[in-house]
PDB file of N, CA and C in Angstrom:
ATOM      1  N   MET A   1     109.529 102.134 116.385  1.00  0.00           N
ATOM      2  CA  MET A   1     108.291 102.098 115.619  1.00  0.00           C
ATOM      3  C   MET A   1     108.625 102.319 114.143  1.00  0.00           C
ATOM      4  N   PRO A   2     108.127 101.473 113.269  1.00  0.00           N
ATOM      5  CA  PRO A   2     108.429 101.637 111.855  1.00  0.00           C
ATOM      6  C   PRO A   2     107.775 102.893 111.296  1.00  0.00           C
ATOM      7  N   ARG A   3     108.403 103.457 110.316  1.00  0.00           N
ATOM      8  CA  ARG A   3     107.871 104.642 109.667  1.00  0.00           C
ATOM      9  C   ARG A   3     106.829 104.256 108.614  1.00  0.00           C
ATOM     10  N   ILE A   4     106.678 102.960 108.396  1.00  0.00           N
ATOM     11  CA  ILE A   4     105.695 102.427 107.457  1.00  0.00           C
ATOM     12  C   ILE A   4     104.614 101.733 108.283  1.00  0.00           C
ATOM     13  N   SER A   5     103.373 102.082 108.026  1.00  0.00           N
ATOM     14  CA  SER A   5     102.271 101.466 108.761  1.00  0.00           C
ATOM     15  C   SER A   5     101.585 100.415 107.886  1.00  0.00           C
ATOM     16  N   PRO A   6     100.771  99.573 108.493  1.00  0.00           N
ATOM     17  CA  PRO A   6     100.013  98.608 107.683  1.00  0.00           C
ATOM     18  C   PRO A   6      99.158  99.301 106.618  1.00  0.00           C
ATOM     19  N   ALA A   7      98.639 100.477 106.926  1.00  0.00           N
ATOM     20  CA  ALA A   7      97.847 101.225 105.935  1.00  0.00           C
ATOM     21  C   ALA A   7      98.719 101.632 104.752  1.00  0.00           C
ATOM     22  N   ASP A   8      99.980 101.995 105.033  1.00  0.00           N
ATOM     23  CA  ASP A   8     100.908 102.351 103.955  1.00  0.00           C
ATOM     24  C   ASP A   8     101.174 101.142 103.060  1.00  0.00           C
ATOM     25  N   LEU A   9     101.304  99.971 103.680  1.00  0.00           N
ATOM     26  CA  LEU A   9     101.549  98.762 102.902  1.00  0.00           C
ATOM     27  C   LEU A   9     100.367  98.445 102.000  1.00  0.00           C
ATOM     28  N   SER A  10      99.160  98.580 102.513  1.00  0.00           N
ATOM     29  CA  SER A  10      97.999  98.287 101.677  1.00  0.00           C
ATOM     30  C   SER A  10      97.817  99.341 100.586  1.00  0.00           C
ATOM     31  N   ALA A  11      98.261 100.565 100.840  1.00  0.00           N
ATOM     32  CA  ALA A  11      98.170 101.618  99.823  1.00  0.00           C
ATOM     33  C   ALA A  11      99.051 101.302  98.623  1.00  0.00           C
ATOM     34  N   ILE A  12     100.187 100.645  98.861  1.00  0.00           N
ATOM     35  CA  ILE A  12     101.080 100.258  97.772  1.00  0.00           C
ATOM     36  C   ILE A  12     100.380  99.265  96.847  1.00  0.00           C
ATOM     37  N   GLU A  13      99.503  98.466  97.414  1.00  0.00           N
ATOM     38  CA  GLU A  13      98.841  97.396  96.687  1.00  0.00           C
ATOM     39  C   GLU A  13      97.627  97.860  95.873  1.00  0.00           C
ATOM     40  N   ARG A  14      97.126  99.050  96.148  1.00  0.00           N
ATOM     41  CA  ARG A  14      95.937  99.541  95.452  1.00  0.00           C
ATOM     42  C   ARG A  14      96.170  99.656  93.955  1.00  0.00           C
ATOM     43  N   THR A  15      95.154  99.321  93.207  1.00  0.00           N
ATOM     44  CA  THR A  15      95.242  99.461  91.762  1.00  0.00           C
ATOM     45  C   THR A  15      94.073 100.295  91.273  1.00  0.00           C
ATOM     46  N   PRO A  16      94.189 101.034  90.227  1.00  0.00           N
ATOM     47  CA  PRO A  16      95.447 101.290  89.525  1.00  0.00           C
ATOM     48  C   PRO A  16      96.242 102.396  90.225  1.00  0.00           C
ATOM     49  N   ALA A  17      97.513 102.314  90.124  1.00  0.00           N
ATOM     50  CA  ALA A  17      98.397 103.342  90.683  1.00  0.00           C
ATOM     51  C   ALA A  17      99.303 103.835  89.567  1.00  0.00           C
ATOM     52  N   SER A  18      99.591 105.111  89.593  1.00  0.00           N
ATOM     53  CA  SER A  18     100.518 105.632  88.587  1.00  0.00           C
ATOM     54  C   SER A  18     101.917 105.103  88.902  1.00  0.00           C
ATOM     55  N   PRO A  19     102.763 104.960  87.901  1.00  0.00           N
ATOM     56  CA  PRO A  19     104.135 104.526  88.169  1.00  0.00           C
ATOM     57  C   PRO A  19     104.852 105.447  89.166  1.00  0.00           C
ATOM     58  N   ALA A  20     104.592 106.751  89.095  1.00  0.00           N
ATOM     59  CA  ALA A  20     105.251 107.686  90.020  1.00  0.00           C
ATOM     60  C   ALA A  20     104.789 107.446  91.453  1.00  0.00           C
ATOM     61  N   SER A  21     103.494 107.233  91.644  1.00  0.00           N
ATOM     62  CA  SER A  21     102.950 106.978  92.979  1.00  0.00           C
ATOM     63  C   SER A  21     103.474 105.660  93.532  1.00  0.00           C
ATOM     64  N   LEU A  22     103.478 104.646  92.710  1.00  0.00           N
ATOM     65  CA  LEU A  22     103.991 103.342  93.130  1.00  0.00           C
ATOM     66  C   LEU A  22     105.478 103.420  93.463  1.00  0.00           C
ATOM     67  N   SER A  23     106.216 104.177  92.677  1.00  0.00           N
ATOM     68  CA  SER A  23     107.650 104.338  92.912  1.00  0.00           C
ATOM     69  C   SER A  23     107.916 104.988  94.270  1.00  0.00           C
ATOM     70  N   ARG A  24     107.126 106.000  94.611  1.00  0.00           N
ATOM     71  CA  ARG A  24     107.286 106.657  95.920  1.00  0.00           C
ATOM     72  C   ARG A  24     106.988 105.677  97.053  1.00  0.00           C
ATOM     73  N   GLY A  25     105.895 104.929  96.926  1.00  0.00           N
ATOM     74  CA  GLY A  25     105.519 103.986  97.974  1.00  0.00           C
ATOM     75  C   GLY A  25     106.537 102.880  98.160  1.00  0.00           C
ATOM     76  N   VAL A  26     106.987 102.305  97.063  1.00  0.00           N
ATOM     77  CA  VAL A  26     107.981 101.229  97.141  1.00  0.00           C
ATOM     78  C   VAL A  26     109.319 101.785  97.627  1.00  0.00           C
ATOM     79  N   GLY A  27     109.670 102.976  97.189  1.00  0.00           N
ATOM     80  CA  GLY A  27     110.913 103.612  97.649  1.00  0.00           C
ATOM     81  C   GLY A  27     110.897 103.854  99.147  1.00  0.00           C
ATOM     82  N   GLU A  28     109.743 104.297  99.655  1.00  0.00           N
ATOM     83  CA  GLU A  28     109.589 104.515 101.097  1.00  0.00           C
ATOM     84  C   GLU A  28     109.704 103.185 101.848  1.00  0.00           C
ATOM     85  N   LEU A  29     109.082 102.160 101.302  1.00  0.00           N
ATOM     86  CA  LEU A  29     109.148 100.830 101.905  1.00  0.00           C
ATOM     87  C   LEU A  29     110.591 100.328 101.958  1.00  0.00           C
ATOM     88  N   LEU A  30     111.296 100.411 100.839  1.00  0.00           N
ATOM     89  CA  LEU A  30     112.682  99.940 100.790  1.00  0.00           C
ATOM     90  C   LEU A  30     113.596 100.788 101.678  1.00  0.00           C
ATOM     91  N   GLY A  31     113.341 102.084 101.728  1.00  0.00           N
ATOM     92  CA  GLY A  31     114.148 102.984 102.544  1.00  0.00           C
ATOM     93  C   GLY A  31     114.009 102.727 104.037  1.00  0.00           C
ATOM     94  N   ASN A  32     112.903 102.099 104.433  1.00  0.00           N
ATOM     95  CA  ASN A  32     112.664 101.796 105.841  1.00  0.00           C
ATOM     96  C   ASN A  32     112.850 100.312 106.139  1.00  0.00           C
ATOM     97  N   SER A  33     113.594  99.631 105.292  1.00  0.00           N
ATOM     98  CA  SER A  33     113.848  98.204 105.464  1.00  0.00           C
ATOM     99  C   SER A  33     115.314  97.962 105.802  1.00  0.00           C
ATOM    100  N   VAL A  34     115.561  96.919 106.587  1.00  0.00           N
ATOM    101  CA  VAL A  34     116.944  96.554 106.901  1.00  0.00           C
ATOM    102  C   VAL A  34     117.467  95.524 105.908  1.00  0.00           C
ATOM    103  N   THR A  35     116.560  94.777 105.281  1.00  0.00           N
ATOM    104  CA  THR A  35     116.939  93.855 104.216  1.00  0.00           C
ATOM    105  C   THR A  35     115.879  93.947 103.126  1.00  0.00           C
ATOM    106  N   ALA A  36     116.296  93.715 101.910  1.00  0.00           N
ATOM    107  CA  ALA A  36     115.344  93.715 100.797  1.00  0.00           C
ATOM    108  C   ALA A  36     115.944  92.954  99.633  1.00  0.00           C
ATOM    109  N   LYS A  37     115.074  92.250  98.914  1.00  0.00           N
ATOM    110  CA  LYS A  37     115.509  91.618  97.682  1.00  0.00           C
ATOM    111  C   LYS A  37     114.322  91.573  96.738  1.00  0.00           C
ATOM    112  N   ALA A  38     114.620  91.502  95.459  1.00  0.00           N
ATOM    113  CA  ALA A  38     113.585  91.460  94.437  1.00  0.00           C
ATOM    114  C   ALA A  38     113.793  90.245  93.551  1.00  0.00           C
ATOM    115  N   LYS A  39     112.679  89.717  93.075  1.00  0.00           N
ATOM    116  CA  LYS A  39     112.735  88.573  92.167  1.00  0.00           C
ATOM    117  C   LYS A  39     111.781  88.858  91.011  1.00  0.00           C
ATOM    118  N   VAL A  40     112.265  88.730  89.783  1.00  0.00           N
ATOM    119  CA  VAL A  40     111.382  88.831  88.631  1.00  0.00           C
ATOM    120  C   VAL A  40     110.689  87.483  88.523  1.00  0.00           C
ATOM    121  N   ASP A  41     109.416  87.477  88.844  1.00  0.00           N
ATOM    122  CA  ASP A  41     108.647  86.244  88.895  1.00  0.00           C
ATOM    123  C   ASP A  41     108.230  85.790  87.494  1.00  0.00           C
ATOM    124  N   SER A  42     107.872  86.747  86.655  1.00  0.00           N
ATOM    125  CA  SER A  42     107.491  86.397  85.294  1.00  0.00           C
ATOM    126  C   SER A  42     107.625  87.619  84.384  1.00  0.00           C
ATOM    127  N   TYR A  43     107.766  87.341  83.096  1.00  0.00           N
ATOM    128  CA  TYR A  43     107.832  88.388  82.082  1.00  0.00           C
ATOM    129  C   TYR A  43     107.262  87.829  80.790  1.00  0.00           C
ATOM    130  N   ASN A  44     106.312  88.543  80.208  1.00  0.00           N
ATOM    131  CA  ASN A  44     105.682  88.131  78.965  1.00  0.00           C
ATOM    132  C   ASN A  44     106.294  88.927  77.820  1.00  0.00           C
ATOM    133  N   LEU A  45     107.043  88.256  76.963  1.00  0.00           N
ATOM    134  CA  LEU A  45     107.704  88.926  75.840  1.00  0.00           C
ATOM    135  C   LEU A  45     106.713  89.514  74.841  1.00  0.00           C
ATOM    136  N   GLU A  46     105.547  88.912  74.715  1.00  0.00           N
ATOM    137  CA  GLU A  46     104.558  89.388  73.748  1.00  0.00           C
ATOM    138  C   GLU A  46     103.851  90.656  74.200  1.00  0.00           C
ATOM    139  N   THR A  47     103.510  90.737  75.475  1.00  0.00           N
ATOM    140  CA  THR A  47     102.729  91.875  75.965  1.00  0.00           C
ATOM    141  C   THR A  47     103.547  92.892  76.755  1.00  0.00           C
ATOM    142  N   GLY A  48     104.721  92.492  77.232  1.00  0.00           N
ATOM    143  CA  GLY A  48     105.532  93.374  78.075  1.00  0.00           C
ATOM    144  C   GLY A  48     105.119  93.339  79.537  1.00  0.00           C
ATOM    145  N   GLU A  49     104.114  92.543  79.854  1.00  0.00           N
ATOM    146  CA  GLU A  49     103.660  92.451  81.236  1.00  0.00           C
ATOM    147  C   GLU A  49     104.688  91.691  82.077  1.00  0.00           C
ATOM    148  N   TYR A  50     104.891  92.172  83.294  1.00  0.00           N
ATOM    149  CA  TYR A  50     105.863  91.550  84.190  1.00  0.00           C
ATOM    150  C   TYR A  50     105.309  91.476  85.603  1.00  0.00           C
ATOM    151  N   ARG A  51     105.924  90.619  86.409  1.00  0.00           N
ATOM    152  CA  ARG A  51     105.589  90.497  87.825  1.00  0.00           C
ATOM    153  C   ARG A  51     106.897  90.470  88.607  1.00  0.00           C
ATOM    154  N   VAL A  52     107.017  91.400  89.557  1.00  0.00           N
ATOM    155  CA  VAL A  52     108.192  91.484  90.418  1.00  0.00           C
ATOM    156  C   VAL A  52     107.729  91.282  91.856  1.00  0.00           C
ATOM    157  N   VAL A  53     108.422  90.432  92.580  1.00  0.00           N
ATOM    158  CA  VAL A  53     108.096  90.154  93.982  1.00  0.00           C
ATOM    159  C   VAL A  53     109.200  90.751  94.849  1.00  0.00           C
ATOM    160  N   LEU A  54     108.798  91.535  95.860  1.00  0.00           N
ATOM    161  CA  LEU A  54     109.741  92.105  96.816  1.00  0.00           C
ATOM    162  C   LEU A  54     109.615  91.357  98.138  1.00  0.00           C
ATOM    163  N   LEU A  55     110.744  91.091  98.760  1.00  0.00           N
ATOM    164  CA  LEU A  55     110.759  90.449 100.073  1.00  0.00           C
ATOM    165  C   LEU A  55     111.755  91.204 100.932  1.00  0.00           C
ATOM    166  N   GLY A  56     111.323  91.617 102.113  1.00  0.00           N
ATOM    167  CA  GLY A  56     112.231  92.371 102.968  1.00  0.00           C
ATOM    168  C   GLY A  56     111.785  92.358 104.415  1.00  0.00           C
ATOM    169  N   THR A  57     112.552  93.058 105.237  1.00  0.00           N
ATOM    170  CA  THR A  57     112.269  93.185 106.659  1.00  0.00           C
ATOM    171  C   THR A  57     112.285  94.660 107.021  1.00  0.00           C
ATOM    172  N   LEU A  58     111.169  95.141 107.588  1.00  0.00           N
ATOM    173  CA  LEU A  58     111.106  96.542 108.007  1.00  0.00           C
ATOM    174  C   LEU A  58     112.021  96.789 109.194  1.00  0.00           C
ATOM    175  N   ASP A  59     112.577  97.983 109.259  1.00  0.00           N
ATOM    176  CA  ASP A  59     113.386  98.406 110.394  1.00  0.00           C
ATOM    177  C   ASP A  59     112.439  98.777 111.518  1.00  0.00           C
ATOM    178  N   LEU A  60     112.397  97.991 112.570  1.00  0.00           N
ATOM    179  CA  LEU A  60     111.487  98.212 113.690  1.00  0.00           C
ATOM    180  C   LEU A  60     112.129  98.967 114.846  1.00  0.00           C
ATOM    181  N   GLU A  61     113.414  99.254 114.729  1.00  0.00           N
ATOM    182  CA  GLU A  61     114.128  99.908 115.817  1.00  0.00           C
ATOM    183  C   GLU A  61     113.742 101.383 115.905  1.00  0.00           C
ATOM    184  N   GLU A  62     113.456 101.835 117.130  1.00  0.00           N
ATOM    185  CA  GLU A  62     113.145 103.238 117.337  1.00  0.00           C
ATOM    186  C   GLU A  62     114.407 104.075 117.283  1.00  0.00           C
ATOM    187  N   THR A  63     114.278 105.259 116.732  1.00  0.00           N
ATOM    188  CA  THR A  63     115.384 106.219 116.744  1.00  0.00           C
ATOM    189  C   THR A  63     115.070 107.302 117.752  1.00  0.00           C
ATOM    190  N   LYS A  64     116.036 108.151 118.022  1.00  0.00           N
ATOM    191  CA  LYS A  64     115.781 109.244 118.973  1.00  0.00           C
ATOM    192  C   LYS A  64     114.686 110.163 118.464  1.00  0.00           C
ATOM    193  N   PHE A  65     114.489 110.244 117.133  1.00  0.00           N
ATOM    194  CA  PHE A  65     113.467 111.114 116.560  1.00  0.00           C
ATOM    195  C   PHE A  65     112.065 110.522 116.741  1.00  0.00           C
ATOM    196  N   ASP A  66     111.982 109.180 116.784  1.00  0.00           N
ATOM    197  CA  ASP A  66     110.683 108.527 116.986  1.00  0.00           C
ATOM    198  C   ASP A  66     110.154 108.743 118.396  1.00  0.00           C
ATOM    199  N   LYS A  67     111.044 108.983 119.341  1.00  0.00           N
ATOM    200  CA  LYS A  67     110.660 109.102 120.749  1.00  0.00           C
ATOM    201  C   LYS A  67     110.152 110.501 121.095  1.00  0.00           C
ATOM    202  N   LEU A  68     110.349 111.455 120.208  1.00  0.00           N
ATOM    203  CA  LEU A  68     109.925 112.839 120.488  1.00  0.00           C
ATOM    204  C   LEU A  68     108.438 113.009 120.415  1.00  0.00           C
TER     205      LEU A  68
END
C-alpha cells in the first residue's frame, strides 16, 4: 500500500501553498516513488514565473511495516 493517498496528491495541488508546505508534499511524493523525473516546462525571464512538471511512479509494494 502506498504511503501517499489520492487525498495527499490533491493536497499538493491546492493553491495557494507556501513554498515550505509544497516542498514537504513534493518531497514526500518523491520519497515514496520508485522512479521520478522533472521537466522545466516554461520559464518567463521577465516575471520569474516558471512551470515544472513531475512524472513518476509510486512505490506500491507493501513493506513489513505496512502489514502491522
